[in-house]
Amino acid sequence: MSFLSEPIVRIILGLLVIAVGISFIWKGWLGSVLGRFTYWSGFLPFTIISPWLVHLPQGKRSLIKTKEGMLAHMVMGPSFFLCAVLCICAGADLVGWPGTKTLNLVINGMDTTKPTSISFNENNGRYDFPLLKRASAKFYHQVFEHRVDETHDLLGRKIDQMLPEQTTTIDGARIQKSQGK
C-alpha cells in the first residue's frame, strides 16, 4: 500500500502541486516580462538549481539574491512557464481532474485521434514524453543528415537562378541580354 493510495493525501498533495504551479506562473512572469529571477547564493551545486526551489520573497539579510538580464528573459522565464504547466497538470491529475489529458488535447490541436504526447504516472509521480521519442529520429535526420539543395528554397519552391540577371551597369546604362546561354 503506497502513500499516494489514500484519496485525502492525493487531494492535498495535488492542491499543493497546483499552488507550486501558480507560483511558477508568477516566476515565469517575473523572468519573461520583467527580466529578473531570484536565486540562493550559497553552496554552488544548490545555487544552480535554486531558481526552481526559491518561491518566497527574500528577507533583509538573506542569501537570496535577484539576477536581471537576458538570461531571465530568454531561458529562465520560459522554463518557469513550462514547469508551471507541468505542475498544474500533475496536480490536477492527483486531485482527479483531467490535467494531462487536457494538455495532450491542446498539444495535439484538439484532435483526439493523435497519439499521446505527454503521460503522467500518478502512482510514482513521473512524466513520460512519448512525443520526444517519436520526434527524435526525424529531428536527427533534419539536422544531421539533410543535404542542402541549391535548386530549391527552404519552402521547396524551385529556384531558377540564385542571382538575378544584371540589367544595368554602374553608370545606369542598360545591358542587352544575350540570347544564347
Protein backbone atom coordinates (compact mmCIF):
# COMPACT_ATOMS: atom_id res chain seq x y z
CA MET A 1 0.00 0.00 0.00
CA SER A 2 1.61 3.23 -1.13
CA PHE A 3 1.47 6.68 0.37
CA LEU A 4 -0.47 8.05 -2.61
CA SER A 5 -3.19 5.40 -2.43
CA GLU A 6 -5.11 7.39 0.21
CA PRO A 7 -7.55 9.79 -1.51
CA ILE A 8 -7.21 12.62 1.01
CA VAL A 9 -3.41 12.57 0.73
CA ARG A 10 -3.65 12.66 -3.08
CA ILE A 11 -6.01 15.64 -2.98
CA ILE A 12 -3.86 17.60 -0.52
CA LEU A 13 -0.69 16.82 -2.47
CA GLY A 14 -2.45 17.72 -5.73
CA LEU A 15 -3.57 21.09 -4.40
CA LEU A 16 -0.05 21.75 -3.11
CA VAL A 17 1.43 20.95 -6.53
CA ILE A 18 -1.14 23.25 -8.19
CA ALA A 19 -0.10 26.03 -5.77
CA VAL A 20 3.55 25.50 -6.75
CA GLY A 21 2.46 25.67 -10.41
CA ILE A 22 0.78 29.02 -9.77
CA SER A 23 3.99 30.20 -8.10
CA PHE A 24 5.88 29.14 -11.23
CA ILE A 25 3.47 31.26 -13.32
CA TRP A 26 4.44 34.27 -11.20
CA LYS A 27 8.15 33.40 -11.52
CA GLY A 28 7.69 32.99 -15.28
CA TRP A 29 6.11 36.44 -15.49
CA LEU A 30 8.98 37.94 -13.50
CA GLY A 31 11.52 36.18 -15.70
CA SER A 32 9.99 36.61 -19.15
CA VAL A 33 8.44 40.06 -18.89
CA LEU A 34 10.34 41.85 -16.15
CA GLY A 35 13.68 40.12 -16.76
CA ARG A 36 14.59 39.06 -13.24
CA PHE A 37 14.67 35.93 -11.12
CA THR A 38 15.78 35.06 -7.61
CA TYR A 39 18.40 32.51 -6.62
CA TRP A 40 20.20 31.37 -3.49
CA SER A 41 23.85 32.40 -3.46
CA GLY A 42 25.15 29.79 -1.05
CA PHE A 43 26.80 26.47 -1.91
CA LEU A 44 27.35 26.25 -5.71
CA PRO A 45 25.50 23.00 -6.56
CA PHE A 46 22.41 24.33 -4.78
CA THR A 47 22.86 27.74 -6.43
CA ILE A 48 22.46 26.17 -9.87
CA ILE A 49 19.06 24.60 -9.07
CA SER A 50 17.92 27.24 -6.58
CA PRO A 51 15.85 29.38 -9.03
CA TRP A 52 13.37 26.48 -9.20
CA LEU A 53 13.38 26.00 -5.41
CA VAL A 54 13.07 29.61 -4.18
CA HIS A 55 9.39 30.59 -4.13
CA LEU A 56 9.24 33.00 -1.19
CA PRO A 57 10.48 36.61 -1.16
CA GLN A 58 13.93 37.39 0.15
CA GLY A 59 14.49 38.69 3.66
CA LYS A 60 16.61 41.61 4.84
CA ARG A 61 19.83 39.69 5.47
CA SER A 62 19.27 36.70 3.24
CA LEU A 63 21.42 34.72 0.85
CA ILE A 64 18.63 35.00 -1.72
CA LYS A 65 19.71 37.40 -4.49
CA THR A 66 18.00 38.80 -7.58
CA LYS A 67 19.53 38.47 -11.04
CA GLU A 68 18.47 40.58 -14.01
CA GLY A 69 19.31 40.29 -17.68
CA MET A 70 18.70 38.46 -20.92
CA LEU A 71 19.22 35.09 -19.21
CA ALA A 72 15.98 35.72 -17.34
CA HIS A 73 14.08 36.77 -20.47
CA MET A 74 15.31 34.00 -22.77
CA VAL A 75 15.89 30.96 -20.53
CA MET A 76 14.54 31.24 -17.01
CA GLY A 77 11.10 32.73 -17.76
CA PRO A 78 10.11 30.16 -20.40
CA SER A 79 11.44 27.31 -18.25
CA PHE A 80 9.34 28.56 -15.33
CA PHE A 81 6.25 28.64 -17.57
CA LEU A 82 6.97 25.07 -18.70
CA CYS A 83 7.33 23.96 -15.08
CA ALA A 84 4.06 25.76 -14.27
CA VAL A 85 2.16 23.87 -16.95
CA LEU A 86 3.59 20.53 -15.83
CA CYS A 87 2.91 21.22 -12.13
CA ILE A 88 -0.66 22.34 -12.72
CA CYS A 89 -1.39 19.30 -14.91
CA ALA A 90 0.20 16.89 -12.42
CA GLY A 91 -1.72 18.48 -9.54
CA ALA A 92 -4.95 18.27 -11.48
CA ASP A 93 -4.31 14.58 -12.17
CA LEU A 94 -3.66 13.93 -8.48
CA VAL A 95 -6.88 15.72 -7.49
CA GLY A 96 -8.84 13.71 -10.05
CA TRP A 97 -9.27 16.30 -12.79
CA PRO A 98 -8.15 15.62 -16.39
CA GLY A 99 -4.90 17.62 -16.31
CA THR A 100 -2.57 15.65 -18.58
CA LYS A 101 -5.48 14.59 -20.79
CA THR A 102 -6.32 18.26 -21.40
CA LEU A 103 -2.66 19.11 -22.01
CA ASN A 104 -2.42 16.33 -24.62
CA LEU A 105 -5.60 17.62 -26.25
CA VAL A 106 -4.09 21.12 -26.50
CA ILE A 107 -0.72 19.86 -27.79
CA ASN A 108 -2.41 17.69 -30.43
CA GLY A 109 -4.57 20.56 -31.70
CA MET A 110 -7.86 19.28 -30.22
CA ASP A 111 -7.56 16.04 -32.21
CA THR A 112 -8.32 13.02 -30.03
CA THR A 113 -7.14 10.55 -32.69
CA LYS A 114 -3.48 11.59 -32.41
CA PRO A 115 -1.20 9.63 -30.07
CA THR A 116 -0.38 10.73 -26.53
CA SER A 117 2.30 13.42 -26.30
CA ILE A 118 2.81 13.53 -22.52
CA SER A 119 1.84 10.94 -19.94
CA PHE A 120 1.83 11.22 -16.15
CA ASN A 121 2.10 8.24 -13.83
CA GLU A 122 0.01 9.04 -10.74
CA ASN A 123 1.50 6.20 -8.69
CA ASN A 124 5.08 7.43 -8.68
CA GLY A 125 4.62 11.00 -9.96
CA ARG A 126 6.76 10.68 -13.10
CA TYR A 127 6.25 12.19 -16.51
CA ASP A 128 6.96 10.37 -19.76
CA PHE A 129 7.32 12.20 -23.08
CA PRO A 130 6.48 9.86 -25.99
CA LEU A 131 6.40 12.93 -28.25
CA LEU A 132 10.15 13.40 -27.83
CA LYS A 133 10.83 9.74 -28.58
CA ARG A 134 8.81 9.93 -31.80
CA ALA A 135 10.28 13.24 -32.92
CA SER A 136 13.93 12.50 -32.16
CA ALA A 137 14.56 10.39 -35.27
CA LYS A 138 13.03 12.98 -37.59
CA PHE A 139 14.88 15.81 -35.84
CA TYR A 140 18.18 13.93 -36.16
CA HIS A 141 17.55 13.37 -39.87
CA GLN A 142 16.62 17.01 -40.50
CA VAL A 143 19.62 18.41 -38.62
CA PHE A 144 22.43 15.96 -39.29
CA GLU A 145 21.53 14.04 -42.45
CA HIS A 146 19.80 16.71 -44.52
CA ARG A 147 21.65 17.89 -47.61
CA VAL A 148 21.34 21.46 -48.79
CA ASP A 149 19.63 21.60 -52.18
CA GLU A 150 20.66 24.58 -54.28
CA THR A 151 17.82 24.24 -56.76
CA HIS A 152 15.02 24.67 -54.18
CA ASP A 153 14.44 27.21 -51.40
CA LEU A 154 13.51 26.43 -47.79
CA LEU A 155 9.84 26.06 -48.68
CA GLY A 156 10.55 23.60 -51.53
CA ARG A 157 9.95 26.03 -54.40
CA LYS A 158 12.18 25.65 -57.45
CA ILE A 159 14.83 28.32 -57.86
CA ASP A 160 15.79 29.16 -61.47
CA GLN A 161 18.79 31.33 -60.67
CA MET A 162 20.45 32.26 -57.42
CA LEU A 163 21.24 35.84 -58.57
CA PRO A 164 19.03 37.90 -60.85
CA GLU A 165 20.43 38.80 -64.25
CA GLN A 166 22.16 42.13 -64.41
CA THR A 167 20.20 44.66 -66.50
CA THR A 168 22.18 47.87 -65.88
CA THR A 169 25.80 48.88 -65.34
CA ILE A 170 27.09 51.02 -62.52
CA ASP A 171 26.51 54.12 -64.70
CA GLY A 172 22.87 53.16 -65.18
CA ALA A 173 23.21 52.19 -68.85
CA ARG A 174 21.03 49.27 -69.94
CA ILE A 175 22.69 46.00 -70.94
CA GLN A 176 21.21 43.85 -73.66
CA LYS A 177 20.52 40.33 -72.58
CA SER A 178 22.39 37.70 -74.56
CA GLN A 179 20.10 35.21 -76.23
CA GLY A 180 22.46 32.23 -76.21
CA LYS A 181 23.49 30.79 -72.91
